[in-house]
Amino acid sequence: MESFLLMGTVVSLRLVGDGSVAHMRDSIDRAIRAMRSVEEACSRFDEESALRDLCRRPGEWVAVPAALFQALSIARQMAEMTAGIFDPTVGRALELQGFNRHYLTGQESDSQVPLDTGASWRDIELNADGRQVRLAAPMLLDLGAVAKGLAIDLAAHELGDWPGLSVDAGGDVLVAGSDPEGAVWRVGVEHPLAPDSLLTQMELTNMAVCTSGNYKRRSPKNEALHHLWDPAQQRSAEGLKSCTVVAPQAVLADVVSTAAFLLGPDRALSFIEEMDLAGLVVREDMTVQMTKSMGGYIRE
């Protein structure tokens, strides 16, 4: 197993199968490069990222890297599906709440984008020819709900010639093939009130499990606020402690878990089911609810 720091979290790669040390090293190196390419393109904390360059050029058509174009395409589609409850233009609001520190350098970013520009997901224009993007209004994008899942999927693609693999990025996990004992993989869901404990465990393979929760990233300026931001209310989303989604791709599990969390306790599960996915939510009172299909994965 290899572990490293990326996107503000610890990433662990695990390979199962016979192969030379050189083959394993090459596979892991390719996976790491793939994940880093997403971070370099999509980070809002890095002044040199393609995302920050795009945000400095409102009104222009800008050619962007493939990872950024794909992440924006997914984010815009999810924004449309949720009528803007999920909105990737909330970066400035998060920045002003203190979510602006680079996890490696500690440097604080300040985009200086005005909050009152009226920008929304509708101001993100995409042109597949040449992978061009135009931001019709000043904004700071935040792709945290998409980029990590995309990076996990790209890493798994690079490791796909192994009989078994696991990519774990801070608890967001994709597993494929068999585990080291030749069985399906067992993946735990973190308990919102006890980070060192599990709420439940699942057995599955060739699937991703991603969780969005309000218990890890709190505003350094206001402990009552967290990073899952409701753009309509201009505050952190309320009603849930966490939302976990199982999907064939990590980027899908990642973005749907965030969108469902933002939709709140009365709509989260039905939204997950509309997406034909499995999910589990923990309400503020610690009541646990899940889709019918989620029960097929749970192993206590």
C-alpha atoms as a PDB file:
ATOM      1  CA  MET A   1       0.000   0.000   0.000  1.00  0.00           C
ATOM      2  CA  GLU A   2       1.189   3.520  -0.795  1.00  0.00           C
ATOM      3  CA  SER A   3      -0.052   6.643   0.975  1.00  0.00           C
ATOM      4  CA  PHE A   4       0.519  10.310   0.150  1.00  0.00           C
ATOM      5  CA  LEU A   5      -1.017  13.730   0.709  1.00  0.00           C
ATOM      6  CA  LEU A   6      -3.203  15.148  -2.049  1.00  0.00           C
ATOM      7  CA  MET A   7      -6.196  17.512  -2.255  1.00  0.00           C
ATOM      8  CA  GLY A   8      -5.986  18.200   1.448  1.00  0.00           C
ATOM      9  CA  THR A   9      -6.346  14.583   2.497  1.00  0.00           C
ATOM     10  CA  VAL A  10      -4.397  11.338   2.784  1.00  0.00           C
ATOM     11  CA  VAL A  11      -4.715   9.123  -0.288  1.00  0.00           C
ATOM     12  CA  SER A  12      -3.958   5.404  -0.043  1.00  0.00           C
ATOM     13  CA  LEU A  13      -3.520   3.087  -3.022  1.00  0.00           C
ATOM     14  CA  ARG A  14      -3.623  -0.666  -2.549  1.00  0.00           C
ATOM     15  CA  LEU A  15      -2.965  -3.273  -5.224  1.00  0.00           C
ATOM     16  CA  VAL A  16      -3.755  -6.988  -5.117  1.00  0.00           C
ATOM     17  CA  GLY A  17      -2.162  -9.528  -7.435  1.00  0.00           C
ATOM     18  CA  ASP A  18       1.113 -10.992  -8.581  1.00  0.00           C
ATOM     19  CA  GLY A  19       3.457  -8.643 -10.329  1.00  0.00           C
ATOM     20  CA  SER A  20       6.980  -7.338 -10.212  1.00  0.00           C
ATOM     21  CA  VAL A  21       7.989  -4.501  -7.940  1.00  0.00           C
ATOM     22  CA  ALA A  22       8.763  -2.475 -11.064  1.00  0.00           C
ATOM     23  CA  HIS A  23       5.267  -3.061 -12.461  1.00  0.00           C
ATOM     24  CA  MET A  24       3.666  -2.088  -9.171  1.00  0.00           C
ATOM     25  CA  ARG A  25       5.827   1.033  -8.921  1.00  0.00           C
ATOM     26  CA  ASP A  26       4.955   2.057 -12.457  1.00  0.00           C
ATOM     27  CA  SER A  27       1.230   1.558 -11.833  1.00  0.00           C
ATOM     28  CA  ILE A  28       1.296   3.586  -8.634  1.00  0.00           C
ATOM     29  CA  ASP A  29       3.337   6.378 -10.205  1.00  0.00           C
ATOM     30  CA  ARG A  30       0.871   6.662 -13.092  1.00  0.00           C
ATOM     31  CA  ALA A  31      -2.043   6.783 -10.669  1.00  0.00           C
ATOM     32  CA  ILE A  32      -0.397   9.519  -8.612  1.00  0.00           C
ATOM     33  CA  ARG A  33       0.325  11.574 -11.728  1.00  0.00           C
ATOM     34  CA  ALA A  34      -3.291  11.242 -12.820  1.00  0.00           C
ATOM     35  CA  MET A  35      -4.560  12.457  -9.461  1.00  0.00           C
ATOM     36  CA  ARG A  36      -2.104  15.338  -9.339  1.00  0.00           C
ATOM     37  CA  SER A  37      -3.188  16.462 -12.795  1.00  0.00           C
ATOM     38  CA  VAL A  38      -6.718  16.933 -11.431  1.00  0.00           C
ATOM     39  CA  GLU A  39      -5.494  18.899  -8.440  1.00  0.00           C
ATOM     40  CA  GLU A  40      -3.278  21.105 -10.601  1.00  0.00           C
ATOM     41  CA  ALA A  41      -6.231  21.880 -12.873  1.00  0.00           C
ATOM     42  CA  CYS A  42      -9.089  22.174 -10.380  1.00  0.00           C
ATOM     43  CA  SER A  43      -7.692  23.621  -7.143  1.00  0.00           C
ATOM     44  CA  ARG A  44      -9.113  26.970  -6.025  1.00  0.00           C
ATOM     45  CA  PHE A  45      -6.404  27.249  -3.349  1.00  0.00           C
ATOM     46  CA  ASP A  46      -3.480  27.283  -5.811  1.00  0.00           C
ATOM     47  CA  GLU A  47      -2.963  30.626  -7.558  1.00  0.00           C
ATOM     48  CA  GLU A  48      -1.270  28.798 -10.445  1.00  0.00           C
ATOM     49  CA  SER A  49      -4.083  26.324 -11.119  1.00  0.00           C
ATOM     50  CA  ALA A  50      -6.051  26.327 -14.352  1.00  0.00           C
ATOM     51  CA  LEU A  51      -9.200  27.019 -12.330  1.00  0.00           C
ATOM     52  CA  ARG A  52      -7.775  30.200 -10.816  1.00  0.00           C
ATOM     53  CA  ASP A  53      -6.503  31.313 -14.210  1.00  0.00           C
ATOM     54  CA  LEU A  54      -9.999  30.828 -15.643  1.00  0.00           C
ATOM     55  CA  CYS A  55     -11.565  32.806 -12.799  1.00  0.00           C
ATOM     56  CA  ARG A  56      -9.202  35.727 -13.454  1.00  0.00           C
ATOM     57  CA  ARG A  57     -10.538  36.002 -17.012  1.00  0.00           C
ATOM     58  CA  PRO A  58     -14.319  36.503 -16.852  1.00  0.00           C
ATOM     59  CA  GLY A  59     -15.936  37.182 -20.206  1.00  0.00           C
ATOM     60  CA  GLU A  60     -13.212  35.378 -22.173  1.00  0.00           C
ATOM     61  CA  TRP A  61     -13.338  32.000 -23.871  1.00  0.00           C
ATOM     62  CA  VAL A  62     -10.486  30.081 -22.233  1.00  0.00           C
ATOM     63  CA  ALA A  63      -9.073  26.714 -23.291  1.00  0.00           C
ATOM     64  CA  VAL A  64      -8.744  24.575 -20.164  1.00  0.00           C
ATOM     65  CA  PRO A  65      -7.230  21.159 -19.332  1.00  0.00           C
ATOM     66  CA  ALA A  66      -9.371  18.082 -19.848  1.00  0.00           C
ATOM     67  CA  ALA A  67      -9.774  17.489 -16.098  1.00  0.00           C
ATOM     68  CA  LEU A  68     -11.127  20.991 -15.484  1.00  0.00           C
ATOM     69  CA  PHE A  69     -13.497  20.848 -18.443  1.00  0.00           C
ATOM     70  CA  GLN A  70     -14.866  17.473 -17.326  1.00  0.00           C
ATOM     71  CA  ALA A  71     -15.263  18.614 -13.719  1.00  0.00           C
ATOM     72  CA  LEU A  72     -17.098  21.758 -14.805  1.00  0.00           C
ATOM     73  CA  SER A  73     -19.341  19.773 -17.146  1.00  0.00           C
ATOM     74  CA  ILE A  74     -20.363  17.436 -14.320  1.00  0.00           C
ATOM     75  CA  ALA A  75     -20.814  20.278 -11.833  1.00  0.00           C
ATOM     76  CA  ARG A  76     -22.939  22.306 -14.226  1.00  0.00           C
ATOM     77  CA  GLN A  77     -25.125  19.311 -15.012  1.00  0.00           C
ATOM     78  CA  MET A  78     -25.687  18.647 -11.307  1.00  0.00           C
ATOM     79  CA  ALA A  79     -26.521  22.312 -10.748  1.00  0.00           C
ATOM     80  CA  GLU A  80     -29.157  22.105 -13.452  1.00  0.00           C
ATOM     81  CA  MET A  81     -30.588  18.883 -12.006  1.00  0.00           C
ATOM     82  CA  THR A  82     -30.955  20.462  -8.555  1.00  0.00           C
ATOM     83  CA  ALA A  83     -32.197  23.859  -9.798  1.00  0.00           C
ATOM     84  CA  GLY A  84     -29.073  25.512  -8.399  1.00  0.00           C
ATOM     85  CA  ILE A  85     -29.128  24.020  -4.900  1.00  0.00           C
ATOM     86  CA  PHE A  86     -25.793  22.542  -5.929  1.00  0.00           C
ATOM     87  CA  ASP A  87     -23.791  25.414  -7.427  1.00  0.00           C
ATOM     88  CA  PRO A  88     -20.038  25.393  -8.188  1.00  0.00           C
ATOM     89  CA  THR A  89     -19.854  29.214  -8.067  1.00  0.00           C
ATOM     90  CA  VAL A  90     -19.842  29.365  -4.247  1.00  0.00           C
ATOM     91  CA  GLY A  91     -16.056  29.611  -4.005  1.00  0.00           C
ATOM     92  CA  ARG A  92     -15.983  33.242  -2.893  1.00  0.00           C
ATOM     93  CA  ALA A  93     -18.545  32.649  -0.143  1.00  0.00           C
ATOM     94  CA  LEU A  94     -16.438  29.768   1.166  1.00  0.00           C
ATOM     95  CA  GLU A  95     -13.278  31.838   0.907  1.00  0.00           C
ATOM     96  CA  LEU A  96     -14.805  34.581   3.027  1.00  0.00           C
ATOM     97  CA  GLN A  97     -15.748  32.012   5.685  1.00  0.00           C
ATOM     98  CA  GLY A  98     -12.093  31.050   6.043  1.00  0.00           C
ATOM     99  CA  PHE A  99     -11.990  28.066   3.699  1.00  0.00           C
ATOM    100  CA  ASN A 100      -9.051  29.612   1.885  1.00  0.00           C
ATOM    101  CA  ARG A 101      -5.872  28.018   3.212  1.00  0.00           C
ATOM    102  CA  HIS A 102      -3.669  25.799   1.048  1.00  0.00           C
ATOM    103  CA  TYR A 103      -3.194  22.502   2.857  1.00  0.00           C
ATOM    104  CA  LEU A 104       0.510  22.216   1.944  1.00  0.00           C
ATOM    105  CA  THR A 105       1.841  25.767   2.116  1.00  0.00           C
ATOM    106  CA  GLY A 106      -0.595  27.244   4.631  1.00  0.00           C
ATOM    107  CA  GLN A 107      -0.899  30.268   2.352  1.00  0.00           C
ATOM    108  CA  GLU A 108      -4.260  32.019   2.422  1.00  0.00           C
ATOM    109  CA  SER A 109      -5.836  32.903  -0.906  1.00  0.00           C
ATOM    110  CA  ASP A 110      -7.944  35.959  -1.620  1.00  0.00           C
ATOM    111  CA  SER A 111      -9.563  36.098  -5.040  1.00  0.00           C
ATOM    112  CA  GLN A 112     -11.076  39.538  -4.287  1.00  0.00           C
ATOM    113  CA  VAL A 113     -14.131  38.608  -6.343  1.00  0.00           C
ATOM    114  CA  PRO A 114     -17.127  40.690  -5.217  1.00  0.00           C
ATOM    115  CA  LEU A 115     -19.899  38.673  -3.599  1.00  0.00           C
ATOM    116  CA  ASP A 116     -22.669  40.693  -5.236  1.00  0.00           C
ATOM    117  CA  THR A 117     -21.965  39.848  -8.884  1.00  0.00           C
ATOM    118  CA  GLY A 118     -25.073  37.668  -9.099  1.00  0.00           C
ATOM    119  CA  ALA A 119     -23.036  34.862 -10.622  1.00  0.00           C
ATOM    120  CA  SER A 120     -24.524  31.381 -10.714  1.00  0.00           C
ATOM    121  CA  TRP A 121     -24.013  28.097 -12.516  1.00  0.00           C
ATOM    122  CA  ARG A 122     -25.904  29.524 -15.498  1.00  0.00           C
ATOM    123  CA  ASP A 123     -22.945  31.845 -16.100  1.00  0.00           C
ATOM    124  CA  ILE A 124     -20.652  28.899 -16.845  1.00  0.00           C
ATOM    125  CA  GLU A 125     -20.598  28.411 -20.613  1.00  0.00           C
ATOM    126  CA  LEU A 126     -18.960  25.331 -22.096  1.00  0.00           C
ATOM    127  CA  ASN A 127     -17.778  24.664 -25.639  1.00  0.00           C
ATOM    128  CA  ALA A 128     -16.535  21.136 -26.264  1.00  0.00           C
ATOM    129  CA  ASP A 129     -14.652  22.283 -29.360  1.00  0.00           C
ATOM    130  CA  GLY A 130     -11.203  22.962 -27.984  1.00  0.00           C
ATOM    131  CA  ARG A 131     -12.416  22.430 -24.393  1.00  0.00           C
ATOM    132  CA  GLN A 132     -13.239  26.095 -23.943  1.00  0.00           C
ATOM    133  CA  VAL A 133     -14.999  27.713 -20.994  1.00  0.00           C
ATOM    134  CA  ARG A 134     -16.422  31.205 -20.615  1.00  0.00           C
ATOM    135  CA  LEU A 135     -17.469  32.656 -17.268  1.00  0.00           C
ATOM    136  CA  ALA A 136     -20.107  35.241 -18.075  1.00  0.00           C
ATOM    137  CA  ALA A 137     -19.723  36.948 -14.687  1.00  0.00           C
ATOM    138  CA  PRO A 138     -16.915  37.345 -12.140  1.00  0.00           C
ATOM    139  CA  MET A 139     -16.835  34.348  -9.820  1.00  0.00           C
ATOM    140  CA  LEU A 140     -14.642  31.966  -7.861  1.00  0.00           C
ATOM    141  CA  LEU A 141     -15.380  28.364  -8.703  1.00  0.00           C
ATOM    142  CA  ASP A 142     -15.301  25.574  -6.148  1.00  0.00           C
ATOM    143  CA  LEU A 143     -15.088  22.031  -7.526  1.00  0.00           C
ATOM    144  CA  GLY A 144     -14.451  20.223  -4.270  1.00  0.00           C
ATOM    145  CA  ALA A 145     -17.534  18.056  -4.759  1.00  0.00           C
ATOM    146  CA  VAL A 146     -16.321  16.796  -8.121  1.00  0.00           C
ATOM    147  CA  ALA A 147     -12.541  16.915  -8.363  1.00  0.00           C
ATOM    148  CA  LYS A 148     -11.677  14.337  -5.711  1.00  0.00           C
ATOM    149  CA  GLY A 149     -14.056  11.769  -7.169  1.00  0.00           C
ATOM    150  CA  LEU A 150     -12.695  12.448 -10.640  1.00  0.00           C
ATOM    151  CA  ALA A 151      -9.132  12.004  -9.381  1.00  0.00           C
ATOM    152  CA  ILE A 152     -10.070   8.682  -7.748  1.00  0.00           C
ATOM    153  CA  ASP A 153     -11.592   7.419 -10.995  1.00  0.00           C
ATOM    154  CA  LEU A 154      -8.533   8.407 -13.037  1.00  0.00           C
ATOM    155  CA  ALA A 155      -6.234   6.695 -10.538  1.00  0.00           C
ATOM    156  CA  ALA A 156      -8.334   3.528 -10.660  1.00  0.00           C
ATOM    157  CA  HIS A 157      -8.148   3.581 -14.452  1.00  0.00           C
ATOM    158  CA  GLU A 158      -4.353   3.612 -14.266  1.00  0.00           C
ATOM    159  CA  LEU A 159      -4.437   0.655 -11.847  1.00  0.00           C
ATOM    160  CA  GLY A 160      -7.035  -1.293 -13.789  1.00  0.00           C
ATOM    161  CA  ASP A 161      -4.753  -4.098 -14.962  1.00  0.00           C
ATOM    162  CA  TRP A 162      -4.433  -5.436 -11.400  1.00  0.00           C
ATOM    163  CA  PRO A 163      -6.802  -8.185 -10.150  1.00  0.00           C
ATOM    164  CA  GLY A 164      -7.720  -6.090  -7.127  1.00  0.00           C
ATOM    165  CA  LEU A 165      -7.366  -2.443  -6.186  1.00  0.00           C
ATOM    166  CA  SER A 166      -8.480   0.143  -3.686  1.00  0.00           C
ATOM    167  CA  VAL A 167      -8.185   3.917  -3.944  1.00  0.00           C
ATOM    168  CA  ASP A 168      -9.013   5.676  -0.672  1.00  0.00           C
ATOM    169  CA  ALA A 169      -8.956   9.476  -0.557  1.00  0.00           C
ATOM    170  CA  GLY A 170      -9.884  10.556   2.941  1.00  0.00           C
ATOM    171  CA  GLY A 171     -12.649   7.986   3.264  1.00  0.00           C
ATOM    172  CA  ASP A 172     -13.978   8.349  -0.276  1.00  0.00           C
ATOM    173  CA  VAL A 173     -13.190   4.942  -1.712  1.00  0.00           C
ATOM    174  CA  LEU A 174     -13.268   3.031  -4.980  1.00  0.00           C
ATOM    175  CA  VAL A 175     -12.675  -0.722  -4.915  1.00  0.00           C
ATOM    176  CA  ALA A 176     -12.437  -3.211  -7.768  1.00  0.00           C
ATOM    177  CA  GLY A 177     -11.731  -6.895  -8.159  1.00  0.00           C
ATOM    178  CA  SER A 178     -10.897  -8.913  -5.049  1.00  0.00           C
ATOM    179  CA  ASP A 179      -9.373  -7.920  -1.748  1.00  0.00           C
ATOM    180  CA  PRO A 180      -6.120  -9.553  -0.489  1.00  0.00           C
ATOM    181  CA  GLU A 181      -8.115 -12.553   0.829  1.00  0.00           C
ATOM    182  CA  GLY A 182      -9.826 -13.095  -2.509  1.00  0.00           C
ATOM    183  CA  ALA A 183     -13.182 -11.797  -1.283  1.00  0.00           C
ATOM    184  CA  VAL A 184     -15.205  -8.701  -2.098  1.00  0.00           C
ATOM    185  CA  TRP A 185     -13.982  -5.556  -0.403  1.00  0.00           C
ATOM    186  CA  ARG A 186     -15.293  -4.319   2.929  1.00  0.00           C
ATOM    187  CA  VAL A 187     -15.699  -0.535   3.158  1.00  0.00           C
ATOM    188  CA  GLY A 188     -16.617   1.342   6.311  1.00  0.00           C
ATOM    189  CA  VAL A 189     -18.730   4.472   6.706  1.00  0.00           C
ATOM    190  CA  GLU A 190     -17.349   6.877   9.294  1.00  0.00           C
ATOM    191  CA  HIS A 191     -19.496   7.723  12.308  1.00  0.00           C
ATOM    192  CA  PRO A 192     -20.286  11.482  12.263  1.00  0.00           C
ATOM    193  CA  LEU A 193     -19.890  11.848  16.022  1.00  0.00           C
ATOM    194  CA  ALA A 194     -16.911   9.521  16.464  1.00  0.00           C
ATOM    195  CA  PRO A 195     -14.356   9.877  13.649  1.00  0.00           C
ATOM    196  CA  ASP A 196     -12.394   6.842  14.821  1.00  0.00           C
ATOM    197  CA  SER A 197     -15.489   4.620  14.745  1.00  0.00           C
ATOM    198  CA  LEU A 198     -17.634   3.212  11.974  1.00  0.00           C
ATOM    199  CA  LEU A 199     -21.325   3.843  11.542  1.00  0.00           C
ATOM    200  CA  THR A 200     -21.652   0.736   9.401  1.00  0.00           C
ATOM    201  CA  GLN A 201     -19.748  -1.447   6.938  1.00  0.00           C
ATOM    202  CA  MET A 202     -20.488  -2.565   3.407  1.00  0.00           C
ATOM    203  CA  GLU A 203     -19.296  -5.411   1.218  1.00  0.00           C
ATOM    204  CA  LEU A 204     -18.959  -4.561  -2.458  1.00  0.00           C
ATOM    205  CA  THR A 205     -16.645  -4.469  -5.456  1.00  0.00           C
ATOM    206  CA  ASN A 206     -16.310  -2.483  -8.667  1.00  0.00           C
ATOM    207  CA  MET A 207     -18.044   0.385  -6.895  1.00  0.00           C
ATOM    208  CA  ALA A 208     -17.241   3.688  -5.208  1.00  0.00           C
ATOM    209  CA  VAL A 209     -18.430   4.949  -1.828  1.00  0.00           C
ATOM    210  CA  CYS A 210     -18.336   8.683  -1.054  1.00  0.00           C
ATOM    211  CA  THR A 211     -19.596  10.592   1.972  1.00  0.00           C
ATOM    212  CA  SER A 212     -20.404  14.278   2.397  1.00  0.00           C
ATOM    213  CA  GLY A 213     -20.654  15.472   5.981  1.00  0.00           C
ATOM    214  CA  ASN A 214     -20.711  18.579   8.152  1.00  0.00           C
ATOM    215  CA  TYR A 215     -18.353  17.249  10.815  1.00  0.00           C
ATOM    216  CA  LYS A 216     -14.884  17.547   9.256  1.00  0.00           C
ATOM    217  CA  ARG A 217     -14.494  21.008   7.775  1.00  0.00           C
ATOM    218  CA  ARG A 218     -15.773  23.800  10.015  1.00  0.00           C
ATOM    219  CA  SER A 219     -15.262  27.487   9.370  1.00  0.00           C
ATOM    220  CA  PRO A 220     -12.317  28.912  11.320  1.00  0.00           C
ATOM    221  CA  LYS A 221     -14.325  32.157  11.557  1.00  0.00           C
ATOM    222  CA  ASN A 222     -17.604  30.629  12.739  1.00  0.00           C
ATOM    223  CA  GLU A 223     -17.683  27.131  14.199  1.00  0.00           C
ATOM    224  CA  ALA A 224     -21.400  26.891  13.434  1.00  0.00           C
ATOM    225  CA  LEU A 225     -20.686  26.912   9.696  1.00  0.00           C
ATOM    226  CA  HIS A 226     -19.267  24.157   7.502  1.00  0.00           C
ATOM    227  CA  HIS A 227     -18.138  23.883   3.895  1.00  0.00           C
ATOM    228  CA  LEU A 228     -21.327  22.447   2.352  1.00  0.00           C
ATOM    229  CA  TRP A 229     -22.782  25.775   1.306  1.00  0.00           C
ATOM    230  CA  ASP A 230     -26.383  26.531   0.387  1.00  0.00           C
ATOM    231  CA  PRO A 231     -26.170  29.350  -2.186  1.00  0.00           C
ATOM    232  CA  ALA A 232     -29.843  30.288  -1.887  1.00  0.00           C
ATOM    233  CA  GLN A 233     -29.689  30.768   1.889  1.00  0.00           C
ATOM    234  CA  GLN A 234     -26.061  31.972   1.919  1.00  0.00           C
ATOM    235  CA  ARG A 235     -25.234  29.663   4.792  1.00  0.00           C
ATOM    236  CA  SER A 236     -24.227  26.093   5.454  1.00  0.00           C
ATOM    237  CA  ALA A 237     -26.844  23.474   4.600  1.00  0.00           C
ATOM    238  CA  GLU A 238     -28.816  22.162   7.576  1.00  0.00           C
ATOM    239  CA  GLY A 239     -30.727  19.028   8.461  1.00  0.00           C
ATOM    240  CA  LEU A 240     -28.163  16.283   7.879  1.00  0.00           C
ATOM    241  CA  LYS A 241     -24.919  15.229   9.466  1.00  0.00           C
ATOM    242  CA  SER A 242     -23.772  13.055   6.581  1.00  0.00           C
ATOM    243  CA  CYS A 243     -24.819  11.524   3.296  1.00  0.00           C
ATOM    244  CA  THR A 244     -23.160   8.450   1.775  1.00  0.00           C
ATOM    245  CA  VAL A 245     -23.667   7.300  -1.823  1.00  0.00           C
ATOM    246  CA  VAL A 246     -22.620   4.113  -3.622  1.00  0.00           C
ATOM    247  CA  ALA A 247     -22.084   4.444  -7.378  1.00  0.00           C
ATOM    248  CA  PRO A 248     -20.122   2.800 -10.208  1.00  0.00           C
ATOM    249  CA  GLN A 249     -17.809   5.838 -10.430  1.00  0.00           C
ATOM    250  CA  ALA A 250     -16.325   7.885  -7.634  1.00  0.00           C
ATOM    251  CA  VAL A 251     -17.092  11.192  -9.341  1.00  0.00           C
ATOM    252  CA  LEU A 252     -20.767  10.219  -9.463  1.00  0.00           C
ATOM    253  CA  ALA A 253     -20.830   9.117  -5.815  1.00  0.00           C
ATOM    254  CA  ASP A 254     -18.965  12.293  -4.841  1.00  0.00           C
ATOM    255  CA  VAL A 255     -21.184  14.823  -6.601  1.00  0.00           C
ATOM    256  CA  VAL A 256     -24.468  13.068  -5.773  1.00  0.00           C
ATOM    257  CA  SER A 257     -23.610  12.753  -2.070  1.00  0.00           C
ATOM    258  CA  THR A 258     -22.921  16.499  -1.934  1.00  0.00           C
ATOM    259  CA  ALA A 259     -26.025  17.428  -3.912  1.00  0.00           C
ATOM    260  CA  ALA A 260     -28.220  15.167  -1.775  1.00  0.00           C
ATOM    261  CA  PHE A 261     -26.775  16.671   1.417  1.00  0.00           C
ATOM    262  CA  LEU A 262     -27.584  20.161   0.134  1.00  0.00           C
ATOM    263  CA  LEU A 263     -31.119  19.127  -0.780  1.00  0.00           C
ATOM    264  CA  GLY A 264     -31.701  18.255   2.862  1.00  0.00           C
ATOM    265  CA  PRO A 265     -33.305  15.441   4.863  1.00  0.00           C
ATOM    266  CA  ASP A 266     -36.677  15.550   3.125  1.00  0.00           C
ATOM    267  CA  ARG A 267     -35.305  15.225  -0.405  1.00  0.00           C
ATOM    268  CA  ALA A 268     -31.918  13.535  -0.123  1.00  0.00           C
ATOM    269  CA  LEU A 269     -32.953   9.879  -0.360  1.00  0.00           C
ATOM    270  CA  SER A 270     -35.515  10.407  -3.089  1.00  0.00           C
ATOM    271  CA  PHE A 271     -32.904  12.266  -5.139  1.00  0.00           C
ATOM    272  CA  ILE A 272     -30.416   9.423  -4.732  1.00  0.00           C
ATOM    273  CA  GLU A 273     -33.085   6.947  -5.815  1.00  0.00           C
ATOM    274  CA  GLU A 274     -33.953   9.115  -8.827  1.00  0.00           C
ATOM    275  CA  MET A 275     -30.302   8.808  -9.810  1.00  0.00           C
ATOM    276  CA  ASP A 276     -30.726   5.007  -9.536  1.00  0.00           C
ATOM    277  CA  LEU A 277     -28.060   4.835  -6.845  1.00  0.00           C
ATOM    278  CA  ALA A 278     -27.833   3.539  -3.285  1.00  0.00           C
ATOM    279  CA  GLY A 279     -27.464   5.859  -0.343  1.00  0.00           C
ATOM    280  CA  LEU A 280     -27.609   6.432   3.375  1.00  0.00           C
ATOM    281  CA  VAL A 281     -28.219   9.621   5.347  1.00  0.00           C
ATOM    282  CA  VAL A 282     -27.686  10.539   8.984  1.00  0.00           C
ATOM    283  CA  ARG A 283     -30.053  13.253  10.181  1.00  0.00           C
ATOM    284  CA  GLU A 284     -29.148  15.878  12.770  1.00  0.00           C
ATOM    285  CA  ASP A 285     -30.828  13.781  15.481  1.00  0.00           C
ATOM    286  CA  MET A 286     -28.616  10.823  14.404  1.00  0.00           C
ATOM    287  CA  THR A 287     -31.519   8.950  12.825  1.00  0.00           C
ATOM    288  CA  VAL A 288     -30.150   6.764  10.039  1.00  0.00           C
ATOM    289  CA  GLN A 289     -32.179   6.278   6.867  1.00  0.00           C
ATOM    290  CA  MET A 290     -31.253   4.508   3.660  1.00  0.00           C
ATOM    291  CA  THR A 291     -32.514   3.596   0.238  1.00  0.00           C
ATOM    292  CA  LYS A 292     -33.840   0.083  -0.221  1.00  0.00           C
ATOM    293  CA  SER A 293     -30.912  -0.800  -2.485  1.00  0.00           C
ATOM    294  CA  MET A 294     -28.407   0.259   0.183  1.00  0.00           C
ATOM    295  CA  GLY A 295     -29.504  -2.623   2.357  1.00  0.00           C
ATOM    296  CA  GLY A 296     -27.959  -5.048  -0.103  1.00  0.00           C
ATOM    297  CA  TYR A 297     -24.476  -3.728   0.704  1.00  0.00           C
ATOM    298  CA  ILE A 298     -24.663  -3.412   4.506  1.00  0.00           C
ATOM    299  CA  ARG A 299     -22.783  -5.985   6.577  1.00  0.00           C
ATOM    300  CA  GLU A 300     -22.728  -5.288  10.308  1.00  0.00           C
END
